[in-house]
C-alpha atoms as a PDB file:
ATOM      1  CA  MET A   1     -66.027 135.918 101.300  1.00  0.00           C
ATOM      2  CA  ALA A   2     -67.498 132.421 101.150  1.00  0.00           C
ATOM      3  CA  LYS A   3     -69.178 131.066 104.224  1.00  0.00           C
ATOM      4  CA  TYR A   4     -68.690 127.375 104.948  1.00  0.00           C
ATOM      5  CA  LYS A   5     -70.997 125.104 106.879  1.00  0.00           C
ATOM      6  CA  ARG A   6     -68.263 122.914 108.356  1.00  0.00           C
ATOM      7  CA  TRP A   7     -64.786 123.888 109.548  1.00  0.00           C
ATOM      8  CA  TYR A   8     -63.079 121.719 106.902  1.00  0.00           C
ATOM      9  CA  ASP A   9     -65.160 122.759 103.855  1.00  0.00           C
ATOM     10  CA  HIS A  10     -62.698 125.524 102.957  1.00  0.00           C
ATOM     11  CA  ASP A  11     -59.930 123.112 101.913  1.00  0.00           C
ATOM     12  CA  PRO A  12     -60.618 120.472  99.222  1.00  0.00           C
ATOM     13  CA  LEU A  13     -57.729 118.284 100.406  1.00  0.00           C
ATOM     14  CA  LEU A  14     -58.854 118.364 104.027  1.00  0.00           C
ATOM     15  CA  LEU A  15     -62.437 117.753 102.912  1.00  0.00           C
ATOM     16  CA  GLU A  16     -61.274 114.677 100.973  1.00  0.00           C
ATOM     17  CA  VAL A  17     -59.505 113.224 104.015  1.00  0.00           C
ATOM     18  CA  ILE A  18     -62.476 113.839 106.309  1.00  0.00           C
ATOM     19  CA  GLU A  19     -64.833 112.250 103.781  1.00  0.00           C
ATOM     20  CA  LEU A  20     -62.512 109.250 103.433  1.00  0.00           C
ATOM     21  CA  LEU A  21     -62.487 108.825 107.203  1.00  0.00           C
ATOM     22  CA  ARG A  22     -66.259 109.112 107.201  1.00  0.00           C
ATOM     23  CA  ASN A  23     -66.813 106.605 104.409  1.00  0.00           C
ATOM     24  CA  TYR A  24     -64.110 104.094 105.359  1.00  0.00           C
ATOM     25  CA  PRO A  25     -63.626 104.402 109.135  1.00  0.00           C
ATOM     26  CA  ASP A  26     -62.597 100.792 109.766  1.00  0.00           C
ATOM     27  CA  GLU A  27     -60.153 100.659 106.868  1.00  0.00           C
ATOM     28  CA  LEU A  28     -58.509 103.960 107.785  1.00  0.00           C
ATOM     29  CA  LYS A  29     -58.369 103.727 111.566  1.00  0.00           C
ATOM     30  CA  ALA A  30     -54.749 102.568 111.425  1.00  0.00           C
ATOM     31  CA  GLN A  31     -53.804 105.703 109.478  1.00  0.00           C
ATOM     32  CA  ALA A  32     -55.634 107.847 112.035  1.00  0.00           C
ATOM     33  CA  GLU A  33     -53.616 106.140 114.768  1.00  0.00           C
ATOM     34  CA  VAL A  34     -50.379 106.906 112.898  1.00  0.00           C
ATOM     35  CA  PHE A  35     -51.444 110.565 112.683  1.00  0.00           C
ATOM     36  CA  LEU A  36     -52.079 110.647 116.431  1.00  0.00           C
ATOM     37  CA  GLU A  37     -48.719 109.036 117.151  1.00  0.00           C
ATOM     38  CA  LYS A  38     -46.927 111.660 115.050  1.00  0.00           C
ATOM     39  CA  ILE A  39     -48.713 114.477 116.851  1.00  0.00           C
ATOM     40  CA  GLU A  40     -47.926 112.876 120.205  1.00  0.00           C
ATOM     41  CA  LYS A  41     -44.232 112.684 119.286  1.00  0.00           C
ATOM     42  CA  GLN A  42     -44.210 116.400 118.497  1.00  0.00           C
ATOM     43  CA  VAL A  43     -46.200 117.755 121.426  1.00  0.00           C
ATOM     44  CA  GLY A  44     -46.303 114.840 123.846  1.00  0.00           C
ATOM     45  CA  LYS A  45     -48.939 112.242 124.562  1.00  0.00           C
ATOM     46  CA  ASP A  46     -49.899 113.985 127.805  1.00  0.00           C
ATOM     47  CA  ALA A  47     -50.602 117.233 125.941  1.00  0.00           C
ATOM     48  CA  VAL A  48     -52.815 115.445 123.412  1.00  0.00           C
ATOM     49  CA  ASP A  49     -54.665 113.575 126.152  1.00  0.00           C
ATOM     50  CA  ARG A  50     -55.170 116.788 128.189  1.00  0.00           C
ATOM     51  CA  PHE A  51     -56.509 118.584 125.096  1.00  0.00           C
ATOM     52  CA  TYR A  52     -58.920 115.773 124.324  1.00  0.00           C
ATOM     53  CA  GLU A  53     -60.120 115.582 127.928  1.00  0.00           C
ATOM     54  CA  LYS A  54     -60.884 119.323 127.765  1.00  0.00           C
ATOM     55  CA  VAL A  55     -62.927 119.088 124.569  1.00  0.00           C
ATOM     56  CA  LYS A  56     -64.566 115.753 125.352  1.00  0.00           C
ATOM     57  CA  PRO A  57     -67.284 117.263 127.606  1.00  0.00           C
ATOM     58  CA  MET A  58     -68.251 119.595 124.752  1.00  0.00           C
ATOM     59  CA  ILE A  59     -68.766 116.656 122.384  1.00  0.00           C
ATOM     60  CA  LYS A  60     -72.466 116.003 122.139  1.00  0.00           C
ATOM     61  CA  GLY A  61     -72.119 112.627 120.450  1.00  0.00           C
ATOM     62  CA  ASN A  62     -74.172 113.620 117.418  1.00  0.00           C
ATOM     63  CA  ARG A  63     -71.383 113.641 114.856  1.00  0.00           C
ATOM     64  CA  TRP A  64     -70.455 110.541 112.866  1.00  0.00           C
ATOM     65  CA  TYR A  65     -67.024 110.310 114.495  1.00  0.00           C
ATOM     66  CA  ASP A  66     -67.960 111.019 118.116  1.00  0.00           C
ATOM     67  CA  ASN A  67     -68.449 107.380 119.077  1.00  0.00           C
ATOM     68  CA  ASP A  68     -64.975 106.274 117.996  1.00  0.00           C
ATOM     69  CA  PRO A  69     -62.235 107.633 120.274  1.00  0.00           C
ATOM     70  CA  ILE A  70     -59.479 107.355 117.634  1.00  0.00           C
ATOM     71  CA  LEU A  71     -61.443 109.129 114.919  1.00  0.00           C
ATOM     72  CA  SER A  72     -62.850 111.668 117.356  1.00  0.00           C
ATOM     73  CA  LYS A  73     -59.424 112.568 118.716  1.00  0.00           C
ATOM     74  CA  THR A  74     -57.938 112.716 115.207  1.00  0.00           C
ATOM     75  CA  ILE A  75     -60.612 115.007 113.834  1.00  0.00           C
ATOM     76  CA  GLU A  76     -60.680 117.244 116.919  1.00  0.00           C
ATOM     77  CA  LEU A  77     -56.898 117.692 116.641  1.00  0.00           C
ATOM     78  CA  LEU A  78     -57.171 118.474 112.942  1.00  0.00           C
ATOM     79  CA  ARG A  79     -59.879 121.018 113.734  1.00  0.00           C
ATOM     80  CA  VAL A  80     -57.726 123.072 116.087  1.00  0.00           C
ATOM     81  CA  VAL A  81     -54.308 123.055 114.419  1.00  0.00           C
ATOM     82  CA  PRO A  82     -53.343 125.922 112.096  1.00  0.00           C
ATOM     83  CA  ALA A  83     -54.443 125.722 108.444  1.00  0.00           C
ATOM     84  CA  GLU A  84     -50.933 124.961 107.180  1.00  0.00           C
ATOM     85  CA  ILE A  85     -50.706 121.981 109.567  1.00  0.00           C
ATOM     86  CA  GLN A  86     -54.148 120.820 108.452  1.00  0.00           C
ATOM     87  CA  GLN A  87     -53.000 120.952 104.832  1.00  0.00           C
ATOM     88  CA  LYS A  88     -49.732 119.140 105.514  1.00  0.00           C
ATOM     89  CA  SER A  89     -51.474 116.493 107.637  1.00  0.00           C
ATOM     90  CA  ALA A  90     -54.092 115.890 104.964  1.00  0.00           C
ATOM     91  CA  GLN A  91     -51.444 115.472 102.271  1.00  0.00           C
ATOM     92  CA  ASN A  92     -49.382 113.167 104.498  1.00  0.00           C
ATOM     93  CA  PHE A  93     -52.471 111.100 105.194  1.00  0.00           C
ATOM     94  CA  LEU A  94     -53.221 110.653 101.486  1.00  0.00           C
ATOM     95  CA  ASN A  95     -49.575 109.877 100.747  1.00  0.00           C
ATOM     96  CA  ALA A  96     -49.537 107.247 103.490  1.00  0.00           C
ATOM     97  CA  LEU A  97     -52.626 105.612 101.995  1.00  0.00           C
ATOM     98  CA  LYS A  98     -50.947 105.379  98.620  1.00  0.00           C
ATOM     99  CA  GLU A  99     -47.714 104.042 100.132  1.00  0.00           C
ATOM    100  CA  THR A 100     -49.525 101.321 102.041  1.00  0.00           C
ATOM    101  CA  GLY A 101     -51.444 100.307  98.925  1.00  0.00           C
ATOM    102  CA  ILE A 102     -54.864 101.260 100.246  1.00  0.00           C
ATOM    103  CA  SER A 103     -56.972 101.998  97.205  1.00  0.00           C
ATOM    104  CA  LEU A 104     -60.189 103.878  97.820  1.00  0.00           C
ATOM    105  CA  ASP A 105     -62.417 105.333  95.142  1.00  0.00           C
ATOM    106  CA  THR A 106     -61.897 108.953  96.123  1.00  0.00           C
ATOM    107  CA  VAL A 107     -58.131 108.843  96.595  1.00  0.00           C
ATOM    108  CA  ASN A 108     -56.257 110.469  93.712  1.00  0.00           C
END
């Protein structure tokens, strides 16, 4: 069985979304906010905020997304949801980029 360095390396689609967020954080922040809003509608804003407050003390601030609360919350949520939700979220994210006309080099 392959061993991956990062939690998202196992899924090429998820890896693409994370790399897009890493390379184009300002351009994609609005899409990250849409993702958070959709999650909040499903589980409640309070639940998302409570989750993030629990993991926030464990964040060391060394990762590229730790200093941006929107990106940090988005990626932390993606990290903990089941693989099928990760996959669906990644595909929805890419679809939303295409629908809004955002053209980035790595988007299919």
